[in-house]
């Protein structure tokens, strides 16, 4: 009987690890425009879907090149101010919360 309980507890722990792993996904954020960055969000910033992550310079002034596609926390920024980016470049990674 004791082995049956140990197995059940172990199985529960393993299954809970998969649940937590799926709850906190890392979502890469891509640029939809090319240009020279004028503003980049800071790592550790909480964002909601639609928040601006990167602005690039254009003829009409700064325009959003990337917006958050999920709610979460910015855990990595892969571009800096003044950097030239292309369309579909990864600009940040967001850790999605449930």
N, C-alpha and C. Protein backbone atom coordinates (compact mmCIF):
# COMPACT_ATOMS: atom_id res chain seq x y z
N UNK A 1 0.81 -1.20 0.00
CA UNK A 1 0.00 0.00 0.00
C UNK A 1 0.86 1.27 0.00
N UNK A 2 1.95 1.27 0.73
CA UNK A 2 2.77 2.46 0.80
C UNK A 2 3.34 2.82 -0.57
N UNK A 3 3.73 1.81 -1.35
CA UNK A 3 4.28 2.08 -2.68
C UNK A 3 3.23 2.71 -3.59
N UNK A 4 1.98 2.29 -3.44
CA UNK A 4 0.89 2.84 -4.25
C UNK A 4 0.73 4.34 -3.96
N UNK A 5 0.81 4.73 -2.70
CA UNK A 5 0.70 6.15 -2.34
C UNK A 5 1.89 6.94 -2.84
N UNK A 6 3.09 6.37 -2.74
CA UNK A 6 4.29 7.06 -3.23
C UNK A 6 4.18 7.30 -4.73
N UNK A 7 3.72 6.28 -5.44
CA UNK A 7 3.57 6.41 -6.89
C UNK A 7 2.54 7.49 -7.24
N UNK A 8 1.44 7.53 -6.51
CA UNK A 8 0.39 8.52 -6.76
C UNK A 8 0.91 9.93 -6.51
N UNK A 9 1.66 10.11 -5.44
CA UNK A 9 2.23 11.42 -5.12
C UNK A 9 3.24 11.83 -6.19
N UNK A 10 4.10 10.89 -6.57
CA UNK A 10 5.10 11.19 -7.60
C UNK A 10 4.43 11.56 -8.93
N UNK A 11 3.40 10.81 -9.30
CA UNK A 11 2.68 11.10 -10.53
C UNK A 11 2.03 12.49 -10.47
N UNK A 12 1.47 12.84 -9.33
CA UNK A 12 0.88 14.17 -9.16
C UNK A 12 1.90 15.28 -9.29
N UNK A 13 3.09 15.08 -8.72
CA UNK A 13 4.15 16.09 -8.83
C UNK A 13 4.60 16.26 -10.27
N UNK A 14 4.78 15.16 -10.97
CA UNK A 14 5.21 15.23 -12.37
C UNK A 14 4.17 15.95 -13.22
N UNK A 15 2.90 15.62 -13.03
CA UNK A 15 1.85 16.27 -13.80
C UNK A 15 1.74 17.75 -13.49
N UNK A 16 1.96 18.14 -12.24
CA UNK A 16 1.89 19.56 -11.89
C UNK A 16 3.03 20.34 -12.52
N UNK A 17 4.19 19.71 -12.71
CA UNK A 17 5.30 20.39 -13.37
C UNK A 17 4.92 20.74 -14.81
N UNK A 18 4.23 19.83 -15.51
CA UNK A 18 3.81 20.12 -16.87
C UNK A 18 2.78 21.24 -16.90
N UNK A 19 1.92 21.29 -15.94
CA UNK A 19 0.91 22.34 -15.87
C UNK A 19 1.56 23.70 -15.69
N UNK A 20 2.54 23.83 -14.77
CA UNK A 20 3.22 25.10 -14.56
C UNK A 20 4.05 25.48 -15.76
N UNK A 21 4.67 24.50 -16.41
CA UNK A 21 5.47 24.80 -17.60
C UNK A 21 4.64 25.37 -18.72
N UNK A 22 3.41 24.89 -18.87
CA UNK A 22 2.54 25.39 -19.92
C UNK A 22 1.94 26.74 -19.55
N UNK A 23 1.82 27.03 -18.26
CA UNK A 23 1.19 28.27 -17.82
C UNK A 23 2.08 29.48 -18.08
N UNK A 24 3.39 29.29 -18.03
CA UNK A 24 4.32 30.39 -18.22
C UNK A 24 5.11 30.17 -19.49
N UNK A 25 4.54 30.56 -20.61
CA UNK A 25 5.19 30.38 -21.91
C UNK A 25 6.04 31.61 -22.23
N UNK A 26 7.13 31.38 -22.94
CA UNK A 26 7.98 32.46 -23.41
C UNK A 26 7.59 32.75 -24.86
N UNK A 27 7.14 33.98 -25.11
CA UNK A 27 6.60 34.34 -26.42
C UNK A 27 7.51 35.37 -27.08
N UNK A 28 8.17 35.01 -28.20
CA UNK A 28 9.00 35.99 -28.90
C UNK A 28 8.13 37.06 -29.56
N UNK A 29 8.61 38.28 -29.55
CA UNK A 29 7.89 39.40 -30.14
C UNK A 29 8.67 39.89 -31.36
N UNK A 30 7.97 39.99 -32.49
CA UNK A 30 8.62 40.32 -33.74
C UNK A 30 8.24 41.73 -34.21
N UNK A 31 9.15 42.35 -34.95
CA UNK A 31 8.89 43.68 -35.52
C UNK A 31 8.02 43.55 -36.77
N UNK A 32 7.11 44.48 -36.93
CA UNK A 32 6.29 44.51 -38.15
C UNK A 32 6.77 45.59 -39.12
N UNK A 33 7.72 46.43 -38.67
CA UNK A 33 8.28 47.49 -39.51
C UNK A 33 9.80 47.46 -39.45
N UNK A 34 10.43 48.05 -40.44
CA UNK A 34 11.87 48.23 -40.46
C UNK A 34 12.19 49.68 -40.10
N UNK A 35 13.40 49.92 -39.62
CA UNK A 35 13.82 51.28 -39.33
C UNK A 35 14.80 51.37 -38.20
N UNK A 36 15.13 52.60 -37.82
CA UNK A 36 16.06 52.88 -36.72
C UNK A 36 15.24 53.07 -35.45
N UNK A 37 15.56 52.30 -34.42
CA UNK A 37 14.80 52.37 -33.17
C UNK A 37 15.05 53.69 -32.46
N UNK A 38 13.98 54.26 -31.91
CA UNK A 38 14.10 55.49 -31.14
C UNK A 38 13.67 55.27 -29.68
N UNK A 39 12.95 54.18 -29.43
CA UNK A 39 12.51 53.86 -28.08
C UNK A 39 12.31 52.35 -27.96
N UNK A 40 12.85 51.79 -26.88
CA UNK A 40 12.74 50.35 -26.64
C UNK A 40 12.30 50.14 -25.20
N UNK A 41 11.36 49.23 -24.98
CA UNK A 41 10.84 48.95 -23.65
C UNK A 41 11.94 48.32 -22.78
N UNK A 42 11.87 48.52 -21.49
CA UNK A 42 12.87 47.98 -20.57
C UNK A 42 12.50 46.56 -20.14
N UNK A 43 13.54 45.75 -19.90
CA UNK A 43 13.30 44.41 -19.35
C UNK A 43 12.65 44.54 -17.99
N UNK A 44 11.78 43.59 -17.66
CA UNK A 44 11.09 43.60 -16.38
C UNK A 44 9.78 44.37 -16.38
N UNK A 45 9.45 45.01 -17.50
CA UNK A 45 8.22 45.79 -17.60
C UNK A 45 7.03 44.86 -17.80
N UNK A 46 5.96 45.09 -17.04
CA UNK A 46 4.71 44.34 -17.25
C UNK A 46 3.98 44.99 -18.42
N UNK A 47 3.50 44.15 -19.33
CA UNK A 47 2.80 44.67 -20.51
C UNK A 47 1.47 43.94 -20.70
N UNK A 48 0.58 44.61 -21.38
CA UNK A 48 -0.69 44.01 -21.80
C UNK A 48 -0.66 43.91 -23.31
N UNK A 49 -1.46 43.00 -23.84
CA UNK A 49 -1.53 42.84 -25.28
C UNK A 49 -1.84 44.19 -25.94
N UNK A 50 -1.04 44.55 -26.93
CA UNK A 50 -1.22 45.81 -27.63
C UNK A 50 -0.29 46.92 -27.19
N UNK A 51 0.37 46.77 -26.04
CA UNK A 51 1.32 47.79 -25.59
C UNK A 51 2.50 47.88 -26.56
N UNK A 52 3.00 49.10 -26.77
CA UNK A 52 4.12 49.32 -27.68
C UNK A 52 5.42 48.84 -27.02
N UNK A 53 6.18 48.04 -27.76
CA UNK A 53 7.47 47.55 -27.28
C UNK A 53 8.62 48.34 -27.89
N UNK A 54 8.51 48.66 -29.17
CA UNK A 54 9.59 49.35 -29.90
C UNK A 54 8.99 50.40 -30.83
N UNK A 55 9.60 51.58 -30.83
CA UNK A 55 9.25 52.63 -31.79
C UNK A 55 10.41 52.80 -32.76
N UNK A 56 10.09 53.03 -34.04
CA UNK A 56 11.12 53.34 -35.03
C UNK A 56 10.83 54.71 -35.62
N UNK A 57 11.89 55.35 -36.12
CA UNK A 57 11.76 56.66 -36.73
C UNK A 57 11.19 56.53 -38.14
N UNK A 58 10.32 57.46 -38.51
CA UNK A 58 9.75 57.49 -39.86
C UNK A 58 9.64 58.94 -40.30
N UNK A 59 9.16 59.15 -41.50
CA UNK A 59 9.01 60.52 -42.01
C UNK A 59 7.99 61.32 -41.22
N UNK A 60 7.01 60.65 -40.62
CA UNK A 60 5.97 61.34 -39.85
C UNK A 60 6.26 61.34 -38.35
N UNK A 61 7.42 60.84 -37.97
CA UNK A 61 7.79 60.77 -36.56
C UNK A 61 7.86 59.32 -36.09
N UNK A 62 8.03 59.12 -34.78
CA UNK A 62 8.12 57.75 -34.26
C UNK A 62 6.81 56.98 -34.45
N UNK A 63 6.94 55.72 -34.90
CA UNK A 63 5.78 54.85 -35.07
C UNK A 63 6.08 53.49 -34.44
N UNK A 64 5.06 52.81 -33.92
CA UNK A 64 5.28 51.50 -33.31
C UNK A 64 5.74 50.47 -34.34
N UNK A 65 6.85 49.80 -34.02
CA UNK A 65 7.36 48.73 -34.89
C UNK A 65 6.99 47.37 -34.32
N UNK A 66 6.72 47.32 -33.01
CA UNK A 66 6.34 46.05 -32.37
C UNK A 66 5.42 46.35 -31.19
N UNK A 67 4.37 45.56 -31.10
CA UNK A 67 3.44 45.64 -29.97
C UNK A 67 3.37 44.26 -29.32
N UNK A 68 3.06 44.25 -28.03
CA UNK A 68 2.94 42.99 -27.30
C UNK A 68 1.76 42.19 -27.87
N UNK A 69 1.99 40.90 -28.08
CA UNK A 69 0.93 40.03 -28.58
C UNK A 69 0.24 39.26 -27.45
N UNK A 70 0.79 39.37 -26.22
CA UNK A 70 0.23 38.69 -25.05
C UNK A 70 0.42 39.57 -23.82
N UNK A 71 -0.31 39.28 -22.75
CA UNK A 71 -0.06 39.91 -21.46
C UNK A 71 1.11 39.19 -20.81
N UNK A 72 1.96 39.93 -20.10
CA UNK A 72 3.07 39.28 -19.42
C UNK A 72 4.13 40.25 -18.97
N UNK A 73 5.34 39.72 -18.79
CA UNK A 73 6.49 40.50 -18.36
C UNK A 73 7.59 40.37 -19.40
N UNK A 74 8.18 41.49 -19.79
CA UNK A 74 9.27 41.47 -20.76
C UNK A 74 10.49 40.90 -20.03
N UNK A 75 10.96 39.74 -20.49
CA UNK A 75 12.11 39.11 -19.82
C UNK A 75 13.40 39.30 -20.59
N UNK A 76 13.28 39.67 -21.88
CA UNK A 76 14.48 39.90 -22.67
C UNK A 76 14.17 40.91 -23.77
N UNK A 77 15.09 41.85 -23.97
CA UNK A 77 15.00 42.80 -25.07
C UNK A 77 16.21 42.55 -25.95
N UNK A 78 15.99 42.30 -27.23
CA UNK A 78 17.09 41.91 -28.12
C UNK A 78 17.55 43.02 -29.05
N UNK A 79 17.01 44.23 -28.88
CA UNK A 79 17.45 45.39 -29.67
C UNK A 79 17.70 46.55 -28.71
N UNK A 80 18.43 47.54 -29.21
CA UNK A 80 18.72 48.72 -28.40
C UNK A 80 18.34 49.99 -29.13
N UNK A 81 18.36 51.10 -28.41
CA UNK A 81 18.07 52.39 -29.02
C UNK A 81 19.10 52.71 -30.10
N UNK A 82 18.63 53.22 -31.22
CA UNK A 82 19.52 53.60 -32.31
C UNK A 82 19.90 52.45 -33.22
N UNK A 83 19.41 51.26 -32.95
CA UNK A 83 19.73 50.09 -33.76
C UNK A 83 18.80 50.01 -34.97
N UNK A 84 19.32 49.57 -36.10
CA UNK A 84 18.50 49.36 -37.30
C UNK A 84 17.89 47.96 -37.20
N UNK A 85 16.56 47.88 -37.36
CA UNK A 85 15.89 46.58 -37.35
C UNK A 85 15.15 46.38 -38.66
N UNK A 86 14.91 45.12 -38.99
CA UNK A 86 14.16 44.77 -40.19
C UNK A 86 12.83 44.17 -39.78
N UNK A 87 11.91 44.13 -40.73
CA UNK A 87 10.62 43.49 -40.49
C UNK A 87 10.88 42.02 -40.14
N UNK A 88 10.14 41.50 -39.17
CA UNK A 88 10.22 40.12 -38.66
C UNK A 88 11.45 39.84 -37.81
N UNK A 89 12.21 40.87 -37.41
CA UNK A 89 13.29 40.67 -36.44
C UNK A 89 12.68 40.48 -35.06
N UNK A 90 13.27 39.58 -34.27
CA UNK A 90 12.82 39.44 -32.88
C UNK A 90 13.33 40.63 -32.09
N UNK A 91 12.43 41.31 -31.37
CA UNK A 91 12.83 42.49 -30.62
C UNK A 91 12.74 42.28 -29.11
N UNK A 92 11.96 41.30 -28.68
CA UNK A 92 11.80 41.05 -27.25
C UNK A 92 11.20 39.67 -27.03
N UNK A 93 11.24 39.24 -25.75
CA UNK A 93 10.60 37.99 -25.35
C UNK A 93 9.74 38.31 -24.12
N UNK A 94 8.49 37.86 -24.15
CA UNK A 94 7.58 38.08 -23.03
C UNK A 94 7.28 36.75 -22.37
N UNK A 95 7.34 36.75 -21.03
CA UNK A 95 6.90 35.60 -20.25
C UNK A 95 5.43 35.80 -19.98
N UNK A 96 4.63 34.94 -20.59
CA UNK A 96 3.17 35.06 -20.51
C UNK A 96 2.69 34.54 -19.17
N UNK A 97 1.76 35.26 -18.53
CA UNK A 97 1.16 34.76 -17.30
C UNK A 97 -0.26 34.31 -17.59
N UNK A 98 -0.74 33.37 -16.80
CA UNK A 98 -2.11 32.86 -17.05
C UNK A 98 -3.19 33.86 -16.75
